[in-house]
Amino acid sequence: MNAQRATMSIAGVFILLSLLLGHLTGQINLAQASWSWLTAFVGLNLFQSGLSGFCPLTRILTRLGLRAA
């Protein structure tokens, strides 16, 4: 694992942790459909792409003509 992938994994964990803490303190109700689920999706995607190296958005953007790093 390189530094970029580790950073993506750690960022995903922090996003998910902040959602969990917000839910446990009653500031966010994850039982209802809300925009918080979009944040959870982004956090999970960051975490999995850091571990696996596969990012769906990167694949979409390269197919649209952007160069990969």
C-alpha atoms as a PDB file:
ATOM      1  CA  MET A   1       0.000   0.000   0.000  1.00  0.00           C
ATOM      2  CA  ASN A   2       1.368   3.394  -0.935  1.00  0.00           C
ATOM      3  CA  ALA A   3       0.798   6.737   0.802  1.00  0.00           C
ATOM      4  CA  GLN A   4      -2.007   7.799  -1.550  1.00  0.00           C
ATOM      5  CA  ARG A   5      -4.026   4.624  -0.974  1.00  0.00           C
ATOM      6  CA  ALA A   6      -3.415   4.810   2.787  1.00  0.00           C
ATOM      7  CA  THR A   7      -4.645   8.421   2.762  1.00  0.00           C
ATOM      8  CA  MET A   8      -7.809   7.396   0.913  1.00  0.00           C
ATOM      9  CA  SER A   9      -8.481   4.580   3.404  1.00  0.00           C
ATOM     10  CA  ILE A  10      -7.912   6.801   6.427  1.00  0.00           C
ATOM     11  CA  ALA A  11     -10.120   9.560   4.967  1.00  0.00           C
ATOM     12  CA  GLY A  12     -12.897   7.023   4.399  1.00  0.00           C
ATOM     13  CA  VAL A  13     -12.614   5.781   7.982  1.00  0.00           C
ATOM     14  CA  PHE A  14     -12.809   9.348   9.327  1.00  0.00           C
ATOM     15  CA  ILE A  15     -15.922  10.087   7.248  1.00  0.00           C
ATOM     16  CA  LEU A  16     -17.637   6.914   8.455  1.00  0.00           C
ATOM     17  CA  LEU A  17     -16.519   7.553  12.053  1.00  0.00           C
ATOM     18  CA  SER A  18     -17.950  11.077  11.986  1.00  0.00           C
ATOM     19  CA  LEU A  19     -21.279   9.733  10.724  1.00  0.00           C
ATOM     20  CA  LEU A  20     -21.305   7.058  13.413  1.00  0.00           C
ATOM     21  CA  LEU A  21     -20.521   9.547  16.180  1.00  0.00           C
ATOM     22  CA  GLY A  22     -23.178  11.923  14.862  1.00  0.00           C
ATOM     23  CA  HIS A  23     -25.696   9.095  14.899  1.00  0.00           C
ATOM     24  CA  LEU A  24     -24.751   7.928  18.403  1.00  0.00           C
ATOM     25  CA  THR A  25     -25.048  11.456  19.837  1.00  0.00           C
ATOM     26  CA  GLY A  26     -28.434  11.979  18.181  1.00  0.00           C
ATOM     27  CA  GLN A  27     -27.327  14.686  15.753  1.00  0.00           C
ATOM     28  CA  ILE A  28     -27.873  12.487  12.679  1.00  0.00           C
ATOM     29  CA  ASN A  29     -30.679   9.963  12.232  1.00  0.00           C
ATOM     30  CA  LEU A  30     -29.382   7.334   9.835  1.00  0.00           C
ATOM     31  CA  ALA A  31     -32.629   5.371  10.126  1.00  0.00           C
ATOM     32  CA  GLN A  32     -34.300   7.933   7.847  1.00  0.00           C
ATOM     33  CA  ALA A  33     -33.493   8.523   4.207  1.00  0.00           C
ATOM     34  CA  SER A  34     -31.303  11.599   4.116  1.00  0.00           C
ATOM     35  CA  TRP A  35     -28.269  13.141   2.450  1.00  0.00           C
ATOM     36  CA  SER A  36     -26.157  11.495   5.143  1.00  0.00           C
ATOM     37  CA  TRP A  37     -26.341   8.288   3.114  1.00  0.00           C
ATOM     38  CA  LEU A  38     -24.510  10.036   0.270  1.00  0.00           C
ATOM     39  CA  THR A  39     -21.745  10.884   2.734  1.00  0.00           C
ATOM     40  CA  ALA A  40     -21.680   7.257   3.893  1.00  0.00           C
ATOM     41  CA  PHE A  41     -21.392   6.094   0.274  1.00  0.00           C
ATOM     42  CA  VAL A  42     -18.447   8.435  -0.339  1.00  0.00           C
ATOM     43  CA  GLY A  43     -16.738   7.242   2.847  1.00  0.00           C
ATOM     44  CA  LEU A  44     -17.197   3.587   1.962  1.00  0.00           C
ATOM     45  CA  ASN A  45     -15.962   4.185  -1.584  1.00  0.00           C
ATOM     46  CA  LEU A  46     -12.860   6.002  -0.319  1.00  0.00           C
ATOM     47  CA  PHE A  47     -12.140   3.196   2.110  1.00  0.00           C
ATOM     48  CA  GLN A  48     -12.562   0.378  -0.419  1.00  0.00           C
ATOM     49  CA  SER A  49     -10.625   2.161  -3.154  1.00  0.00           C
ATOM     50  CA  GLY A  50      -7.766   2.731  -0.730  1.00  0.00           C
ATOM     51  CA  LEU A  51      -7.670  -0.972   0.075  1.00  0.00           C
ATOM     52  CA  SER A  52      -8.299  -2.389  -3.380  1.00  0.00           C
ATOM     53  CA  GLY A  53      -6.916   0.325  -5.654  1.00  0.00           C
ATOM     54  CA  PHE A  54     -10.133   0.293  -7.724  1.00  0.00           C
ATOM     55  CA  CYS A  55     -12.097   3.546  -7.926  1.00  0.00           C
ATOM     56  CA  PRO A  56     -15.245   3.609 -10.093  1.00  0.00           C
ATOM     57  CA  LEU A  57     -15.085   7.398 -10.552  1.00  0.00           C
ATOM     58  CA  THR A  58     -11.517   7.190 -11.871  1.00  0.00           C
ATOM     59  CA  ARG A  59     -12.632   4.623 -14.432  1.00  0.00           C
ATOM     60  CA  ILE A  60     -15.529   6.840 -15.525  1.00  0.00           C
ATOM     61  CA  LEU A  61     -13.328   9.929 -15.810  1.00  0.00           C
ATOM     62  CA  THR A  62     -10.654   8.131 -17.856  1.00  0.00           C
ATOM     63  CA  ARG A  63     -13.334   6.912 -20.266  1.00  0.00           C
ATOM     64  CA  LEU A  64     -14.481  10.524 -20.615  1.00  0.00           C
ATOM     65  CA  GLY A  65     -10.988  11.487 -21.744  1.00  0.00           C
ATOM     66  CA  LEU A  66      -9.130  12.567 -18.611  1.00  0.00           C
ATOM     67  CA  ARG A  67      -5.639  11.154 -18.158  1.00  0.00           C
ATOM     68  CA  ALA A  68      -4.878   8.953 -15.162  1.00  0.00           C
ATOM     69  CA  ALA A  69      -2.150  10.106 -12.784  1.00  0.00           C
END
